[in-house]
Amino acid sequence: MRRFALIASAVLLGASALPAAMARPAAPVSSNACWLAAFKAGDADKVAACYAPDAVMWFPGGPVAKGRVAIRAGYEGYFTAFTIKEAQLMRMGKKAMGDSVTTWGTFKIVMSPKAGGADVTEVGRYTDVSQKIGGKWVYIVDHASDDPVPAPATAPGAAPAK
């Protein structure tokens, strides 16, 4: 009888903790999930936390940023100029290699200039390398670039431009 009471108590204790555990939002399980949630929120501190302290980031159309502090500053400039309306990462591939994961794909960002004007849509591609550090997946390398401008169309029968 005592054994039954112990088991019943353990079950009731576990069941009472379940609603609290379910109420907490789950921590992002990947660097991409961390980045996407923080980027959509327009929070440079949270975005920077998705990167290792010595990470390297190539911003689309911009310079390389070395280290979390420089990466945060780059995103801060972005969020000062724009309100993020939509952000998507469309993963095309993923490869795990030891304690690192590489992912690649395309992105789409819709943003509204804070100075006014029409929304801006940015599309491009990304490749990143993440590593689990201190129990959390963070970027160690993040390279994003805008899609190239399409080549001008040539008239039927015309020689391609050189």
Protein backbone atom coordinates (compact mmCIF):
# COMPACT_ATOMS: atom_id res chain seq x y z
CA MET A 1 0.00 0.00 0.00
CA ARG A 2 2.82 2.38 0.87
CA ARG A 3 4.43 1.70 -2.52
CA PHE A 4 1.18 2.58 -4.29
CA ALA A 5 0.99 5.87 -2.33
CA LEU A 6 4.56 6.77 -3.36
CA ILE A 7 3.85 6.03 -7.04
CA ALA A 8 0.57 7.96 -6.93
CA SER A 9 2.32 10.93 -5.30
CA ALA A 10 5.03 10.93 -7.96
CA VAL A 11 2.44 10.79 -10.75
CA LEU A 12 0.44 13.67 -9.21
CA LEU A 13 3.58 15.74 -8.69
CA GLY A 14 4.66 15.17 -12.30
CA ALA A 15 1.20 15.96 -13.62
CA SER A 16 1.03 19.18 -11.63
CA ALA A 17 4.33 20.35 -13.17
CA LEU A 18 3.17 19.55 -16.71
CA PRO A 19 1.00 22.69 -17.23
CA ALA A 20 3.88 24.95 -16.12
CA ALA A 21 6.31 23.22 -18.46
CA MET A 22 3.82 23.46 -21.33
CA ALA A 23 3.25 27.18 -20.67
CA ARG A 24 6.93 28.06 -21.12
CA PRO A 25 7.90 28.71 -24.72
CA ALA A 26 10.43 26.18 -25.93
CA ALA A 27 13.96 27.44 -26.38
CA PRO A 28 15.06 27.46 -30.02
CA VAL A 29 16.68 24.17 -30.92
CA SER A 30 18.75 25.53 -33.81
CA SER A 31 20.62 28.68 -34.72
CA ASN A 32 18.14 29.27 -37.54
CA ALA A 33 15.17 29.12 -35.14
CA CYS A 34 16.96 31.45 -32.71
CA TRP A 35 17.79 33.94 -35.48
CA LEU A 36 14.34 33.87 -37.07
CA ALA A 37 12.46 34.56 -33.81
CA ALA A 38 14.86 37.35 -32.78
CA PHE A 39 14.97 38.90 -36.25
CA LYS A 40 11.17 38.98 -36.56
CA ALA A 41 11.10 40.74 -33.16
CA GLY A 42 13.62 43.33 -34.42
CA ASP A 43 15.80 42.72 -31.34
CA ALA A 44 19.53 43.19 -32.05
CA ASP A 45 20.55 41.81 -28.63
CA LYS A 46 18.59 38.60 -29.14
CA VAL A 47 19.85 38.21 -32.71
CA ALA A 48 23.45 38.68 -31.54
CA ALA A 49 22.90 35.99 -28.89
CA CYS A 50 22.39 33.51 -31.75
CA TYR A 51 26.08 33.95 -32.67
CA ALA A 52 29.26 32.68 -31.00
CA PRO A 53 31.40 35.43 -29.43
CA ASP A 54 33.96 35.07 -32.25
CA ALA A 55 31.49 34.39 -35.10
CA VAL A 56 31.88 35.83 -38.59
CA MET A 57 28.91 37.31 -40.48
CA TRP A 58 28.73 38.56 -44.07
CA PHE A 59 25.74 40.88 -44.38
CA PRO A 60 23.99 41.02 -47.78
CA GLY A 61 25.58 43.80 -49.81
CA GLY A 62 27.72 44.81 -46.85
CA PRO A 63 31.03 44.20 -45.13
CA VAL A 64 32.10 41.31 -42.98
CA ALA A 65 31.41 41.61 -39.25
CA LYS A 66 33.78 39.76 -36.94
CA GLY A 67 32.59 38.96 -33.44
CA ARG A 68 29.25 39.17 -31.67
CA VAL A 69 29.65 42.90 -30.86
CA ALA A 70 30.17 43.84 -34.53
CA ILE A 71 27.36 41.53 -35.63
CA ARG A 72 25.01 43.12 -33.11
CA ALA A 73 25.93 46.60 -34.38
CA GLY A 74 25.14 45.53 -37.95
CA TYR A 75 21.71 44.28 -36.97
CA GLU A 76 21.06 47.35 -34.82
CA GLY A 77 21.58 49.53 -37.90
CA TYR A 78 19.16 47.34 -39.81
CA PHE A 79 16.47 47.53 -37.10
CA THR A 80 16.95 51.29 -36.72
CA ALA A 81 16.11 51.77 -40.39
CA PHE A 82 13.39 49.12 -40.84
CA THR A 83 10.47 47.45 -39.13
CA ILE A 84 10.43 43.75 -39.99
CA LYS A 85 7.05 42.68 -41.31
CA GLU A 86 7.92 39.17 -42.48
CA ALA A 87 10.99 36.94 -42.49
CA GLN A 88 11.34 33.44 -43.88
CA LEU A 89 14.18 30.97 -44.21
CA MET A 90 13.61 28.25 -46.80
CA ARG A 91 16.19 25.58 -46.07
CA MET A 92 17.44 23.65 -49.07
CA GLY A 93 19.98 21.46 -47.29
CA LYS A 94 21.58 20.49 -44.01
CA LYS A 95 24.73 18.53 -43.24
CA ALA A 96 25.95 17.52 -39.78
CA MET A 97 29.70 17.03 -39.36
CA GLY A 98 30.76 16.07 -35.87
CA ASP A 99 29.74 18.85 -33.50
CA SER A 100 28.93 21.27 -36.32
CA VAL A 101 25.94 21.68 -38.64
CA THR A 102 25.92 23.48 -41.97
CA THR A 103 22.64 24.66 -43.50
CA TRP A 104 21.89 26.50 -46.72
CA GLY A 105 18.90 27.86 -48.51
CA THR A 106 17.10 31.03 -49.47
CA PHE A 107 15.50 33.84 -47.50
CA LYS A 108 12.78 36.42 -47.95
CA ILE A 109 12.43 39.52 -45.77
CA VAL A 110 9.66 42.11 -46.06
CA MET A 111 10.36 45.33 -44.19
CA SER A 112 8.91 48.77 -43.84
CA PRO A 113 11.25 51.79 -43.85
CA LYS A 114 10.88 53.73 -40.61
CA ALA A 115 11.50 56.95 -42.57
CA GLY A 116 8.40 56.20 -44.63
CA GLY A 117 7.81 54.84 -48.08
CA ALA A 118 6.83 51.56 -49.63
CA ASP A 119 7.69 48.20 -48.12
CA VAL A 120 10.94 46.65 -49.28
CA THR A 121 11.33 42.95 -50.07
CA GLU A 122 14.78 41.42 -49.91
CA VAL A 123 15.43 37.93 -51.29
CA GLY A 124 18.66 36.04 -51.28
CA ARG A 125 20.53 32.95 -50.21
CA TYR A 126 22.43 31.90 -47.13
CA THR A 127 24.97 29.38 -45.93
CA ASP A 128 25.77 29.02 -42.25
CA VAL A 129 27.79 26.85 -39.92
CA SER A 130 26.56 26.31 -36.36
CA GLN A 131 28.13 24.67 -33.36
CA LYS A 132 26.71 23.65 -30.00
CA ILE A 133 28.47 25.76 -27.37
CA GLY A 134 27.42 25.71 -23.72
CA GLY A 135 24.38 23.59 -24.57
CA LYS A 136 23.09 26.04 -27.20
CA TRP A 137 23.40 26.01 -30.99
CA VAL A 138 25.01 29.24 -32.24
CA TYR A 139 26.32 30.44 -35.56
CA ILE A 140 30.08 30.44 -35.99
CA VAL A 141 29.86 31.49 -39.67
CA ASP A 142 26.87 33.12 -41.37
CA HIS A 143 27.03 34.22 -45.00
CA ALA A 144 23.96 35.82 -46.54
CA SER A 145 23.79 37.48 -49.93
CA ASP A 146 21.10 39.10 -52.02
CA ASP A 147 20.00 37.33 -55.18
CA PRO A 148 21.88 38.72 -58.16
CA VAL A 149 20.12 41.12 -60.48
CA PRO A 150 18.74 39.13 -63.44
CA ALA A 151 20.68 39.47 -66.67
CA PRO A 152 18.98 41.67 -69.25
CA ALA A 153 16.82 39.76 -71.70
CA THR A 154 18.09 39.54 -75.25
CA ALA A 155 15.86 39.88 -78.27
CA PRO A 156 15.08 36.64 -80.11
CA GLY A 157 17.89 35.85 -82.55
CA ALA A 158 20.23 38.47 -81.04
CA ALA A 159 23.69 37.54 -79.85
CA PRO A 160 24.06 37.49 -76.05
CA ALA A 161 25.77 40.55 -74.54
CA LYS A 162 29.43 40.12 -73.63
